Amino acid sequence: MAAGMGSMGSYEWRFDSGRVCLDLVATGEAASRGWERLDGSVPLGRWLIAAGLLPEGTRLAQADARWVRSFAELRAAIERLVRAEIEGREASAALERVNALAAGPPLGIRAVRGADGTLVRALSAEPACEALLAAVARDALELLTDPAARARLRQCEGDNCRRVYVDTSRGRRRRWCSSEVCGNRERVARHRRRAALTQA
């Protein structure tokens, strides 16, 4: 799990869904509670680095409000598409949008020597918004066109959690997006219910 910082204070970016496209969707979870984690180019840049889409230390000199809007629009389209797949219905407009963004050019990368002499990934040019959007959109299409991966899509069973994840657990018995977060909340709530019953 990689850490990040948003304008609403410090929190951890969570990368426990199993796919970068679903991790992007998860950044919108707080919007339903009145604030946006990707509310500017700085938080967006931090998320892109934490998600592994950009090398550590990448500066996004060109990033602006258009980048933020574009990622929010992609996030919404992926969420509609994924939820439609889980529920067995179509989301034609969302599919069309994700398809269009996935057709964008890929990021150019190259290998350079790091400070310790080992090869590390670097960008061959200034990262373009379209290339980053395309990388996430392609991940969504790869997920949804892979029958085995698509069959493992799950909605978290945690109270008030809308996260979707890929269940790679043995026996496909995973119930929560994160055992440490939603799973722990459920265990604490269960303990409190038991304690209240014994005191009644």
N, C-alpha and C. Protein backbone atom coordinates (compact mmCIF):
# COMPACT_ATOMS: atom_id res chain seq x y z
N MET A 1 0.83 -1.18 0.00
CA MET A 1 0.00 0.00 0.00
C MET A 1 0.87 1.24 0.00
N ALA A 2 0.61 2.16 -0.87
CA ALA A 2 1.41 3.36 -0.95
C ALA A 2 0.71 4.51 -0.26
N ALA A 3 1.48 5.41 0.28
CA ALA A 3 0.89 6.52 1.01
C ALA A 3 0.80 7.74 0.13
N GLY A 4 -0.14 8.61 0.43
CA GLY A 4 -0.29 9.86 -0.30
C GLY A 4 -0.82 10.94 0.61
N MET A 5 -0.88 12.15 0.11
CA MET A 5 -1.36 13.27 0.89
C MET A 5 -2.35 14.05 0.07
N GLY A 6 -3.48 14.36 0.62
CA GLY A 6 -4.48 15.14 -0.09
C GLY A 6 -4.66 16.49 0.55
N SER A 7 -5.44 17.36 -0.09
CA SER A 7 -5.61 18.69 0.42
C SER A 7 -6.44 18.73 1.69
N MET A 8 -7.14 17.67 2.00
CA MET A 8 -7.93 17.62 3.23
C MET A 8 -7.10 17.09 4.39
N GLY A 9 -5.80 16.96 4.22
CA GLY A 9 -4.95 16.46 5.30
C GLY A 9 -4.27 15.18 4.88
N SER A 10 -3.68 14.54 5.85
CA SER A 10 -2.90 13.33 5.56
C SER A 10 -3.79 12.10 5.60
N TYR A 11 -3.62 11.22 4.65
CA TYR A 11 -4.28 9.93 4.64
C TYR A 11 -3.47 9.02 3.74
N GLU A 12 -3.80 7.77 3.76
CA GLU A 12 -3.09 6.82 2.91
C GLU A 12 -3.89 6.58 1.64
N TRP A 13 -3.18 6.65 0.51
CA TRP A 13 -3.78 6.15 -0.71
C TRP A 13 -3.86 4.65 -0.52
N ARG A 14 -4.97 4.06 -0.86
CA ARG A 14 -5.12 2.62 -0.72
C ARG A 14 -5.08 1.97 -2.09
N PHE A 15 -4.27 0.92 -2.20
CA PHE A 15 -4.14 0.17 -3.44
C PHE A 15 -4.36 -1.31 -3.13
N ASP A 16 -5.59 -1.62 -2.69
CA ASP A 16 -5.89 -2.99 -2.30
C ASP A 16 -6.99 -3.63 -3.14
N SER A 17 -7.32 -3.00 -4.28
CA SER A 17 -8.38 -3.55 -5.13
C SER A 17 -7.87 -4.62 -6.09
N GLY A 18 -6.58 -4.61 -6.36
CA GLY A 18 -6.01 -5.59 -7.29
C GLY A 18 -5.83 -5.06 -8.70
N ARG A 19 -6.36 -3.88 -9.00
CA ARG A 19 -6.19 -3.28 -10.33
C ARG A 19 -6.11 -1.77 -10.19
N VAL A 20 -5.27 -1.15 -11.02
CA VAL A 20 -5.12 0.30 -10.94
C VAL A 20 -6.41 1.02 -11.31
N CYS A 21 -7.19 0.47 -12.25
CA CYS A 21 -8.44 1.13 -12.63
C CYS A 21 -9.42 1.16 -11.46
N LEU A 22 -9.47 0.08 -10.67
CA LEU A 22 -10.36 0.04 -9.50
C LEU A 22 -9.82 0.93 -8.39
N ASP A 23 -8.49 1.05 -8.30
CA ASP A 23 -7.91 1.96 -7.32
C ASP A 23 -8.27 3.41 -7.66
N LEU A 24 -8.32 3.74 -8.95
CA LEU A 24 -8.77 5.07 -9.35
C LEU A 24 -10.22 5.28 -8.94
N VAL A 25 -11.07 4.29 -9.21
CA VAL A 25 -12.48 4.39 -8.82
C VAL A 25 -12.60 4.63 -7.32
N ALA A 26 -11.76 3.97 -6.53
CA ALA A 26 -11.82 4.10 -5.07
C ALA A 26 -11.49 5.51 -4.59
N THR A 27 -10.76 6.29 -5.39
CA THR A 27 -10.45 7.66 -4.97
C THR A 27 -11.70 8.52 -4.94
N GLY A 28 -12.77 8.08 -5.59
CA GLY A 28 -14.01 8.85 -5.60
C GLY A 28 -14.93 8.54 -4.45
N GLU A 29 -14.55 7.56 -3.63
CA GLU A 29 -15.41 7.15 -2.52
C GLU A 29 -15.72 8.31 -1.58
N ALA A 30 -14.73 9.16 -1.33
CA ALA A 30 -14.93 10.27 -0.39
C ALA A 30 -15.83 11.36 -0.96
N ALA A 31 -15.98 11.40 -2.29
CA ALA A 31 -16.80 12.45 -2.91
C ALA A 31 -18.25 12.36 -2.43
N SER A 32 -18.71 11.15 -2.12
CA SER A 32 -20.07 11.00 -1.61
C SER A 32 -20.21 11.59 -0.21
N ARG A 33 -19.07 11.83 0.46
CA ARG A 33 -19.10 12.42 1.80
C ARG A 33 -18.70 13.90 1.76
N GLY A 34 -18.65 14.46 0.56
CA GLY A 34 -18.49 15.88 0.44
C GLY A 34 -17.10 16.42 0.16
N TRP A 35 -16.12 15.56 -0.05
CA TRP A 35 -14.81 16.09 -0.45
C TRP A 35 -14.13 15.16 -1.43
N GLU A 36 -13.28 15.74 -2.20
CA GLU A 36 -12.64 15.06 -3.33
C GLU A 36 -11.16 14.87 -3.05
N ARG A 37 -10.68 13.65 -3.12
CA ARG A 37 -9.26 13.40 -2.89
C ARG A 37 -8.39 13.89 -4.03
N LEU A 38 -8.87 13.76 -5.24
CA LEU A 38 -8.10 14.22 -6.41
C LEU A 38 -8.61 15.61 -6.79
N ASP A 39 -8.43 16.57 -5.89
CA ASP A 39 -9.02 17.88 -6.09
C ASP A 39 -8.07 18.91 -6.68
N GLY A 40 -6.94 18.46 -7.21
CA GLY A 40 -6.00 19.37 -7.83
C GLY A 40 -4.88 18.58 -8.48
N SER A 41 -4.02 19.28 -9.19
CA SER A 41 -2.95 18.58 -9.92
C SER A 41 -1.92 17.97 -8.97
N VAL A 42 -1.73 18.56 -7.79
CA VAL A 42 -0.74 18.00 -6.84
C VAL A 42 -1.22 16.65 -6.30
N PRO A 43 -2.45 16.55 -5.74
CA PRO A 43 -2.92 15.23 -5.30
C PRO A 43 -2.99 14.22 -6.45
N LEU A 44 -3.40 14.68 -7.63
CA LEU A 44 -3.45 13.76 -8.78
C LEU A 44 -2.06 13.23 -9.09
N GLY A 45 -1.07 14.11 -9.11
CA GLY A 45 0.31 13.68 -9.37
C GLY A 45 0.80 12.69 -8.33
N ARG A 46 0.48 12.94 -7.07
CA ARG A 46 0.88 12.01 -5.99
C ARG A 46 0.23 10.65 -6.18
N TRP A 47 -1.05 10.67 -6.58
CA TRP A 47 -1.73 9.39 -6.80
C TRP A 47 -1.11 8.64 -7.98
N LEU A 48 -0.81 9.33 -9.07
CA LEU A 48 -0.22 8.69 -10.25
C LEU A 48 1.12 8.04 -9.92
N ILE A 49 1.91 8.70 -9.06
CA ILE A 49 3.20 8.13 -8.64
C ILE A 49 2.97 6.95 -7.71
N ALA A 50 2.08 7.13 -6.71
CA ALA A 50 1.81 6.05 -5.76
C ALA A 50 1.23 4.82 -6.45
N ALA A 51 0.45 5.04 -7.52
CA ALA A 51 -0.15 3.93 -8.27
C ALA A 51 0.85 3.22 -9.18
N GLY A 52 2.05 3.80 -9.32
CA GLY A 52 3.08 3.18 -10.17
C GLY A 52 2.97 3.57 -11.63
N LEU A 53 2.12 4.53 -11.94
CA LEU A 53 1.98 4.95 -13.34
C LEU A 53 3.09 5.90 -13.77
N LEU A 54 3.69 6.56 -12.79
CA LEU A 54 4.80 7.47 -13.05
C LEU A 54 5.95 7.14 -12.11
N PRO A 55 7.19 7.30 -12.57
CA PRO A 55 8.33 7.08 -11.67
C PRO A 55 8.35 8.08 -10.52
N GLU A 56 8.88 7.65 -9.39
CA GLU A 56 9.03 8.52 -8.22
C GLU A 56 9.74 9.81 -8.62
N GLY A 57 9.24 10.93 -8.12
CA GLY A 57 9.88 12.21 -8.38
C GLY A 57 9.47 12.88 -9.68
N THR A 58 8.57 12.26 -10.45
CA THR A 58 8.13 12.88 -11.71
C THR A 58 7.41 14.18 -11.42
N ARG A 59 7.78 15.22 -12.15
CA ARG A 59 7.11 16.52 -12.03
C ARG A 59 6.11 16.66 -13.18
N LEU A 60 4.91 17.06 -12.84
CA LEU A 60 3.87 17.23 -13.85
C LEU A 60 3.68 18.72 -14.13
N ALA A 61 4.60 19.28 -14.86
CA ALA A 61 4.57 20.71 -15.14
C ALA A 61 3.34 21.12 -15.94
N GLN A 62 2.84 20.21 -16.78
CA GLN A 62 1.70 20.53 -17.64
C GLN A 62 0.35 20.28 -16.98
N ALA A 63 0.36 19.61 -15.82
CA ALA A 63 -0.91 19.23 -15.17
C ALA A 63 -1.67 20.47 -14.73
N ASP A 64 -2.97 20.44 -15.00
CA ASP A 64 -3.83 21.57 -14.62
C ASP A 64 -5.24 21.05 -14.34
N ALA A 65 -6.19 21.96 -14.24
CA ALA A 65 -7.57 21.58 -13.92
C ALA A 65 -8.15 20.64 -14.97
N ARG A 66 -7.71 20.75 -16.21
CA ARG A 66 -8.21 19.85 -17.26
C ARG A 66 -7.81 18.41 -16.97
N TRP A 67 -6.58 18.20 -16.48
CA TRP A 67 -6.13 16.86 -16.10
C TRP A 67 -7.05 16.30 -15.02
N VAL A 68 -7.31 17.10 -14.01
CA VAL A 68 -8.13 16.66 -12.88
C VAL A 68 -9.53 16.30 -13.36
N ARG A 69 -10.13 17.15 -14.18
CA ARG A 69 -11.47 16.87 -14.73
C ARG A 69 -11.46 15.59 -15.56
N SER A 70 -10.43 15.42 -16.38
CA SER A 70 -10.34 14.24 -17.25
C SER A 70 -10.25 12.95 -16.44
N PHE A 71 -9.45 12.96 -15.37
CA PHE A 71 -9.35 11.77 -14.54
C PHE A 71 -10.64 11.51 -13.77
N ALA A 72 -11.32 12.57 -13.34
CA ALA A 72 -12.61 12.40 -12.66
C ALA A 72 -13.64 11.81 -13.62
N GLU A 73 -13.62 12.25 -14.88
CA GLU A 73 -14.56 11.72 -15.88
C GLU A 73 -14.25 10.26 -16.19
N LEU A 74 -12.96 9.92 -16.31
CA LEU A 74 -12.59 8.52 -16.55
C LEU A 74 -13.00 7.66 -15.36
N ARG A 75 -12.75 8.15 -14.17
CA ARG A 75 -13.12 7.43 -12.95
C ARG A 75 -14.62 7.11 -12.94
N ALA A 76 -15.44 8.11 -13.27
CA ALA A 76 -16.89 7.91 -13.28
C ALA A 76 -17.30 6.90 -14.35
N ALA A 77 -16.68 6.96 -15.52
CA ALA A 77 -17.01 6.02 -16.60
C ALA A 77 -16.63 4.60 -16.23
N ILE A 78 -15.44 4.44 -15.64
CA ILE A 78 -15.02 3.09 -15.23
C ILE A 78 -15.95 2.55 -14.15
N GLU A 79 -16.31 3.40 -13.20
CA GLU A 79 -17.21 2.93 -12.13
C GLU A 79 -18.54 2.48 -12.69
N ARG A 80 -19.12 3.27 -13.59
CA ARG A 80 -20.41 2.88 -14.20
C ARG A 80 -20.27 1.56 -14.95
N LEU A 81 -19.17 1.42 -15.67
CA LEU A 81 -18.95 0.21 -16.47
C LEU A 81 -18.75 -1.02 -15.58
N VAL A 82 -17.94 -0.89 -14.55
CA VAL A 82 -17.68 -2.02 -13.65
C VAL A 82 -18.94 -2.43 -12.90
N ARG A 83 -19.67 -1.45 -12.38
CA ARG A 83 -20.90 -1.79 -11.65
C ARG A 83 -21.94 -2.42 -12.57
N ALA A 84 -22.00 -1.96 -13.81
CA ALA A 84 -22.92 -2.56 -14.77
C ALA A 84 -22.56 -4.02 -15.01
N GLU A 85 -21.27 -4.32 -15.13
CA GLU A 85 -20.83 -5.70 -15.33
C GLU A 85 -21.19 -6.57 -14.13
N ILE A 86 -20.97 -6.06 -12.93
CA ILE A 86 -21.30 -6.81 -11.72
C ILE A 86 -22.80 -7.10 -11.66
N GLU A 87 -23.60 -6.12 -12.08
CA GLU A 87 -25.06 -6.24 -11.99
C GLU A 87 -25.68 -6.87 -13.22
N GLY A 88 -24.85 -7.22 -14.21
CA GLY A 88 -25.36 -7.89 -15.41
C GLY A 88 -26.17 -7.01 -16.33
N ARG A 89 -25.80 -5.74 -16.43
CA ARG A 89 -26.50 -4.85 -17.34
C ARG A 89 -25.48 -4.14 -18.22
N GLU A 90 -25.97 -3.37 -19.17
CA GLU A 90 -25.08 -2.66 -20.10
C GLU A 90 -24.90 -1.20 -19.67
N ALA A 91 -23.76 -0.65 -20.04
CA ALA A 91 -23.47 0.77 -19.81
C ALA A 91 -22.77 1.27 -21.07
N SER A 92 -23.54 1.41 -22.14
CA SER A 92 -22.98 1.69 -23.46
C SER A 92 -22.18 2.99 -23.51
N ALA A 93 -22.70 4.06 -22.92
CA ALA A 93 -22.01 5.35 -22.98
C ALA A 93 -20.67 5.27 -22.23
N ALA A 94 -20.68 4.60 -21.08
CA ALA A 94 -19.44 4.45 -20.31
C ALA A 94 -18.43 3.61 -21.08
N LEU A 95 -18.89 2.54 -21.71
CA LEU A 95 -17.99 1.68 -22.49
C LEU A 95 -17.39 2.46 -23.65
N GLU A 96 -18.21 3.24 -24.31
CA GLU A 96 -17.72 4.05 -25.44
C GLU A 96 -16.63 5.02 -24.98
N ARG A 97 -16.85 5.64 -23.82
CA ARG A 97 -15.88 6.62 -23.30
C ARG A 97 -14.56 5.93 -22.93
N VAL A 98 -14.63 4.81 -22.23
CA VAL A 98 -13.42 4.11 -21.83
C VAL A 98 -12.68 3.59 -23.06
N ASN A 99 -13.41 3.07 -24.04
CA ASN A 99 -12.79 2.61 -25.29
C ASN A 99 -12.04 3.75 -25.97
N ALA A 100 -12.68 4.93 -26.03
CA ALA A 100 -12.06 6.07 -26.71
C ALA A 100 -10.77 6.48 -26.00
N LEU A 101 -10.79 6.52 -24.67
CA LEU A 101 -9.58 6.92 -23.93
C LEU A 101 -8.49 5.86 -24.02
N ALA A 102 -8.88 4.59 -24.05
CA ALA A 102 -7.89 3.51 -24.14
C ALA A 102 -7.12 3.53 -25.44
N ALA A 103 -7.67 4.16 -26.47
CA ALA A 103 -7.01 4.21 -27.78
C ALA A 103 -5.89 5.24 -27.83
N GLY A 104 -5.72 5.99 -26.75
CA GLY A 104 -4.67 7.02 -26.72
C GLY A 104 -3.27 6.42 -26.77
N PRO A 105 -2.27 7.25 -27.02
CA PRO A 105 -0.89 6.77 -27.12
C PRO A 105 -0.35 6.33 -25.75
N PRO A 106 0.53 5.34 -25.74
CA PRO A 106 1.12 4.91 -24.46
C PRO A 106 2.21 5.88 -24.00
N LEU A 107 2.52 5.79 -22.71
CA LEU A 107 3.64 6.56 -22.17
C LEU A 107 4.94 6.03 -22.75
N GLY A 108 5.85 6.91 -23.10
CA GLY A 108 7.18 6.48 -23.54
C GLY A 108 8.08 6.32 -22.33
N ILE A 109 8.69 5.16 -22.19
CA ILE A 109 9.59 4.94 -21.07
C ILE A 109 10.98 4.52 -21.55
N ARG A 110 11.96 4.69 -20.70
CA ARG A 110 13.32 4.24 -20.99
C ARG A 110 13.97 3.84 -19.68
N ALA A 111 15.06 3.12 -19.77
CA ALA A 111 15.81 2.71 -18.58
C ALA A 111 17.03 3.60 -18.45
N VAL A 112 17.28 4.05 -17.21
CA VAL A 112 18.46 4.87 -16.92
C VAL A 112 19.12 4.30 -15.66
N ARG A 113 20.38 4.66 -15.46
CA ARG A 113 21.07 4.21 -14.25
C ARG A 113 20.66 5.08 -13.07
N GLY A 114 20.26 4.42 -11.98
CA GLY A 114 19.93 5.12 -10.76
C GLY A 114 21.19 5.48 -9.99
N ALA A 115 21.01 6.12 -8.84
CA ALA A 115 22.14 6.57 -8.02
C ALA A 115 23.02 5.40 -7.59
N ASP A 116 22.41 4.22 -7.42
CA ASP A 116 23.20 3.05 -7.00
C ASP A 116 23.73 2.23 -8.17
N GLY A 117 23.51 2.71 -9.40
CA GLY A 117 24.02 2.02 -10.58
C GLY A 117 23.06 1.03 -11.21
N THR A 118 21.93 0.75 -10.55
CA THR A 118 20.97 -0.19 -11.13
C THR A 118 20.07 0.53 -12.13
N LEU A 119 19.48 -0.24 -13.03
CA LEU A 119 18.57 0.33 -14.01
C LEU A 119 17.23 0.67 -13.36
N VAL A 120 16.75 1.86 -13.64
CA VAL A 120 15.44 2.30 -13.14
C VAL A 120 14.65 2.87 -14.31
N ARG A 121 13.34 2.87 -14.13
CA ARG A 121 12.45 3.36 -15.19
C ARG A 121 12.39 4.89 -15.16
N ALA A 122 12.42 5.47 -16.33
CA ALA A 122 12.27 6.92 -16.48
C ALA A 122 11.38 7.16 -17.69
N LEU A 123 10.84 8.36 -17.79
CA LEU A 123 10.01 8.71 -18.93
C LEU A 123 10.89 9.25 -20.05
N SER A 124 10.52 8.94 -21.28
CA SER A 124 11.30 9.42 -22.41
C SER A 124 10.89 10.82 -22.84
N ALA A 125 9.76 11.30 -22.29
CA ALA A 125 9.29 12.66 -22.60
C ALA A 125 8.37 13.11 -21.47
N GLU A 126 8.03 14.38 -21.48
CA GLU A 126 7.08 14.92 -20.51
C GLU A 126 5.78 14.11 -20.58
N PRO A 127 5.27 13.61 -19.44
CA PRO A 127 4.05 12.79 -19.49
C PRO A 127 2.85 13.60 -19.97
N ALA A 128 2.11 13.04 -20.89
CA ALA A 128 0.90 13.69 -21.41
C ALA A 128 -0.32 13.11 -20.70
N CYS A 129 -1.30 13.94 -20.45
CA CYS A 129 -2.53 13.51 -19.80
C CYS A 129 -3.18 12.35 -20.55
N GLU A 130 -3.22 12.46 -21.88
CA GLU A 130 -3.88 11.43 -22.70
C GLU A 130 -3.22 10.06 -22.53
N ALA A 131 -1.90 10.03 -22.40
CA ALA A 131 -1.19 8.76 -22.24
C ALA A 131 -1.49 8.13 -20.89
N LEU A 132 -1.59 8.95 -19.85
CA LEU A 132 -1.90 8.44 -18.51
C LEU A 132 -3.34 7.95 -18.44
N LEU A 133 -4.25 8.71 -19.04
CA LEU A 133 -5.65 8.26 -19.10
C LEU A 133 -5.75 6.94 -19.85
N ALA A 134 -5.01 6.83 -20.96
CA ALA A 134 -5.04 5.61 -21.77
C ALA A 134 -4.57 4.40 -20.97
N ALA A 135 -3.53 4.59 -20.15
CA ALA A 135 -3.00 3.47 -19.34
C ALA A 135 -4.06 2.94 -18.39
N VAL A 136 -4.80 3.83 -17.73
CA VAL A 136 -5.83 3.40 -16.78
C VAL A 136 -7.03 2.81 -17.53
N ALA A 137 -7.42 3.44 -18.64
CA ALA A 137 -8.55 2.93 -19.42
C ALA A 137 -8.25 1.54 -19.98
N ARG A 138 -7.01 1.33 -20.46
CA ARG A 138 -6.64 0.00 -20.97
C ARG A 138 -6.69 -1.04 -19.86
N ASP A 139 -6.27 -0.65 -18.65
CA ASP A 139 -6.33 -1.59 -17.53
C ASP A 139 -7.78 -2.01 -17.28
N ALA A 140 -8.71 -1.06 -17.36
CA ALA A 140 -10.12 -1.39 -17.16
C ALA A 140 -10.62 -2.35 -18.24
N LEU A 141 -10.24 -2.10 -19.49
CA LEU A 141 -10.68 -2.98 -20.57
C LEU A 141 -10.07 -4.37 -20.47
N GLU A 142 -8.79 -4.43 -20.07
CA GLU A 142 -8.15 -5.74 -19.88
C GLU A 142 -8.84 -6.52 -18.77
N LEU A 143 -9.21 -5.83 -17.69
CA LEU A 143 -9.91 -6.48 -16.59
C LEU A 143 -11.26 -7.02 -17.04
N LEU A 144 -12.04 -6.19 -17.73
CA LEU A 144 -13.41 -6.56 -18.06
C LEU A 144 -13.52 -7.51 -19.25
N THR A 145 -12.46 -7.65 -20.02
CA THR A 145 -12.49 -8.61 -21.14
C THR A 145 -11.79 -9.92 -20.79
N ASP A 146 -11.30 -10.04 -19.57
CA ASP A 146 -10.70 -11.28 -19.08
C ASP A 146 -11.76 -12.01 -18.26
N PRO A 147 -12.34 -13.09 -18.78
CA PRO A 147 -13.45 -13.76 -18.07
C PRO A 147 -13.10 -14.18 -16.65
N ALA A 148 -11.88 -14.68 -16.44
CA ALA A 148 -11.49 -15.13 -15.10
C ALA A 148 -11.41 -13.96 -14.12
N ALA A 149 -10.80 -12.86 -14.55
CA ALA A 149 -10.69 -11.68 -13.68
C ALA A 149 -12.06 -11.06 -13.44
N ARG A 150 -12.85 -10.96 -14.50
CA ARG A 150 -14.19 -10.35 -14.38
C ARG A 150 -15.05 -11.14 -13.40
N ALA A 151 -14.93 -12.46 -13.40
CA ALA A 151 -15.72 -13.29 -12.48
C ALA A 151 -15.31 -13.10 -11.03
N ARG A 152 -14.14 -12.51 -10.80
CA ARG A 152 -13.67 -12.30 -9.42
C ARG A 152 -13.96 -10.90 -8.90
N LEU A 153 -14.68 -10.09 -9.67
CA LEU A 153 -15.05 -8.76 -9.20
C LEU A 153 -16.03 -8.87 -8.04
N ARG A 154 -15.76 -8.14 -6.98
CA ARG A 154 -16.61 -8.17 -5.79
C ARG A 154 -16.86 -6.76 -5.27
N GLN A 155 -18.04 -6.57 -4.71
CA GLN A 155 -18.37 -5.34 -3.99
C GLN A 155 -18.04 -5.58 -2.51
N CYS A 156 -17.32 -4.67 -1.88
CA CYS A 156 -16.99 -4.80 -0.47
C CYS A 156 -18.26 -4.90 0.36
N GLU A 157 -18.26 -5.79 1.35
CA GLU A 157 -19.41 -5.97 2.22
C GLU A 157 -19.38 -5.06 3.45
N GLY A 158 -18.36 -4.22 3.54
CA GLY A 158 -18.27 -3.30 4.68
C GLY A 158 -19.39 -2.28 4.66
N ASP A 159 -19.84 -1.89 5.85
CA ASP A 159 -20.88 -0.87 5.97
C ASP A 159 -20.41 0.42 5.31
N ASN A 160 -21.24 0.98 4.47
CA ASN A 160 -20.97 2.27 3.80
C ASN A 160 -19.73 2.26 2.92
N CYS A 161 -19.26 1.11 2.50
CA CYS A 161 -18.11 1.04 1.60
C CYS A 161 -18.60 0.65 0.22
N ARG A 162 -18.18 1.42 -0.77
CA ARG A 162 -18.59 1.16 -2.15
C ARG A 162 -17.46 0.60 -3.01
N ARG A 163 -16.34 0.26 -2.39
CA ARG A 163 -15.18 -0.20 -3.16
C ARG A 163 -15.44 -1.54 -3.83
N VAL A 164 -14.90 -1.65 -5.03
CA VAL A 164 -14.94 -2.91 -5.79
C VAL A 164 -13.50 -3.40 -5.88
N TYR A 165 -13.32 -4.72 -5.77
CA TYR A 165 -11.98 -5.30 -5.82
C TYR A 165 -12.02 -6.62 -6.58
N VAL A 166 -10.84 -7.11 -6.92
CA VAL A 166 -10.71 -8.42 -7.56
C VAL A 166 -10.34 -9.41 -6.47
N ASP A 167 -11.19 -10.41 -6.27
CA ASP A 167 -10.98 -11.40 -5.21
C ASP A 167 -10.01 -12.48 -5.70
N THR A 168 -8.78 -12.40 -5.25
CA THR A 168 -7.78 -13.39 -5.62
C THR A 168 -7.50 -14.36 -4.46
N SER A 169 -8.37 -14.33 -3.44
CA SER A 169 -8.16 -15.20 -2.29
C SER A 169 -8.43 -16.65 -2.64
N ARG A 170 -7.81 -17.54 -1.89
CA ARG A 170 -8.05 -18.97 -2.09
C ARG A 170 -9.51 -19.26 -1.71
N GLY A 171 -10.22 -19.91 -2.58
CA GLY A 171 -11.62 -20.24 -2.32
C GLY A 171 -12.57 -19.09 -2.58
N ARG A 172 -12.03 -17.96 -3.02
CA ARG A 172 -12.85 -16.78 -3.32
C ARG A 172 -13.78 -16.42 -2.17
N ARG A 173 -13.21 -16.31 -0.97
CA ARG A 173 -14.02 -16.03 0.22
C ARG A 173 -13.77 -14.64 0.80
N ARG A 174 -13.03 -13.82 0.10
CA ARG A 174 -12.75 -12.47 0.59
C ARG A 174 -14.05 -11.66 0.62
N ARG A 175 -14.31 -10.99 1.73
CA ARG A 175 -15.55 -10.24 1.90
C ARG A 175 -15.35 -8.73 1.85
N TRP A 176 -14.13 -8.28 2.13
CA TRP A 176 -13.90 -6.85 2.26
C TRP A 176 -12.79 -6.38 1.32
N CYS A 177 -12.86 -5.10 0.96
CA CYS A 177 -11.80 -4.53 0.13
C CYS A 177 -10.47 -4.60 0.87
N SER A 178 -10.52 -4.46 2.20
CA SER A 178 -9.32 -4.54 3.03
C SER A 178 -9.68 -5.16 4.37
N SER A 179 -8.98 -6.23 4.74
CA SER A 179 -9.21 -6.84 6.04
C SER A 179 -8.82 -5.89 7.16
N GLU A 180 -7.79 -5.06 6.90
CA GLU A 180 -7.31 -4.13 7.92
C GLU A 180 -8.25 -2.95 8.11
N VAL A 181 -9.02 -2.60 7.10
CA VAL A 181 -9.91 -1.42 7.20
C VAL A 181 -11.34 -1.89 7.42
N CYS A 182 -12.04 -2.30 6.37
CA CYS A 182 -13.43 -2.70 6.51
C CYS A 182 -13.59 -3.97 7.35
N GLY A 183 -12.68 -4.92 7.18
CA GLY A 183 -12.74 -6.14 7.99
C GLY A 183 -12.58 -5.83 9.46
N ASN A 184 -11.64 -4.95 9.79
CA ASN A 184 -11.41 -4.59 11.19
C ASN A 184 -12.63 -3.85 11.76
N ARG A 185 -13.22 -2.96 10.95
CA ARG A 185 -14.43 -2.25 11.42
C ARG A 185 -15.54 -3.24 11.76
N GLU A 186 -15.70 -4.24 10.91
CA GLU A 186 -16.73 -5.26 11.14
C GLU A 186 -16.44 -6.04 12.42
N ARG A 187 -15.17 -6.40 12.63
CA ARG A 187 -14.82 -7.13 13.86
C ARG A 187 -15.07 -6.29 15.11
N VAL A 188 -14.73 -5.00 15.04
CA VAL A 188 -14.96 -4.11 16.19
C VAL A 188 -16.46 -3.98 16.45
N ALA A 189 -17.25 -3.80 15.38
CA ALA A 189 -18.71 -3.67 15.53
C ALA A 189 -19.30 -4.95 16.12
N ARG A 190 -18.81 -6.10 15.68
CA ARG A 190 -19.30 -7.38 16.20
C ARG A 190 -18.98 -7.51 17.69
N HIS A 191 -17.76 -7.10 18.07
CA HIS A 191 -17.35 -7.15 19.48
C HIS A 191 -18.25 -6.24 20.32
N ARG A 192 -18.54 -5.05 19.82
CA ARG A 192 -19.40 -4.11 20.56
C ARG A 192 -20.81 -4.65 20.72
N ARG A 193 -21.32 -5.31 19.66
CA ARG A 193 -22.66 -5.90 19.76
C ARG A 193 -22.70 -6.98 20.82
N ARG A 194 -21.65 -7.83 20.84
CA ARG A 194 -21.59 -8.89 21.85
C ARG A 194 -21.48 -8.31 23.25
N ALA A 195 -20.67 -7.27 23.39
CA ALA A 195 -20.50 -6.64 24.72
C ALA A 195 -21.81 -6.02 25.18
N ALA A 196 -22.57 -5.40 24.25
CA ALA A 196 -23.85 -4.80 24.62
C ALA A 196 -24.84 -5.86 25.05
N LEU A 197 -24.83 -7.03 24.39
CA LEU A 197 -25.75 -8.11 24.77
C LEU A 197 -25.45 -8.66 26.16
N THR A 198 -24.18 -8.78 26.50
CA THR A 198 -23.81 -9.33 27.81
C THR A 198 -24.13 -8.35 28.93
N GLN A 199 -24.19 -7.05 28.60
CA GLN A 199 -24.51 -6.05 29.62
C GLN A 199 -26.00 -5.81 29.76
N ALA A 200 -26.78 -6.36 28.80
CA ALA A 200 -28.23 -6.12 28.83
C ALA A 200 -28.91 -6.93 29.91
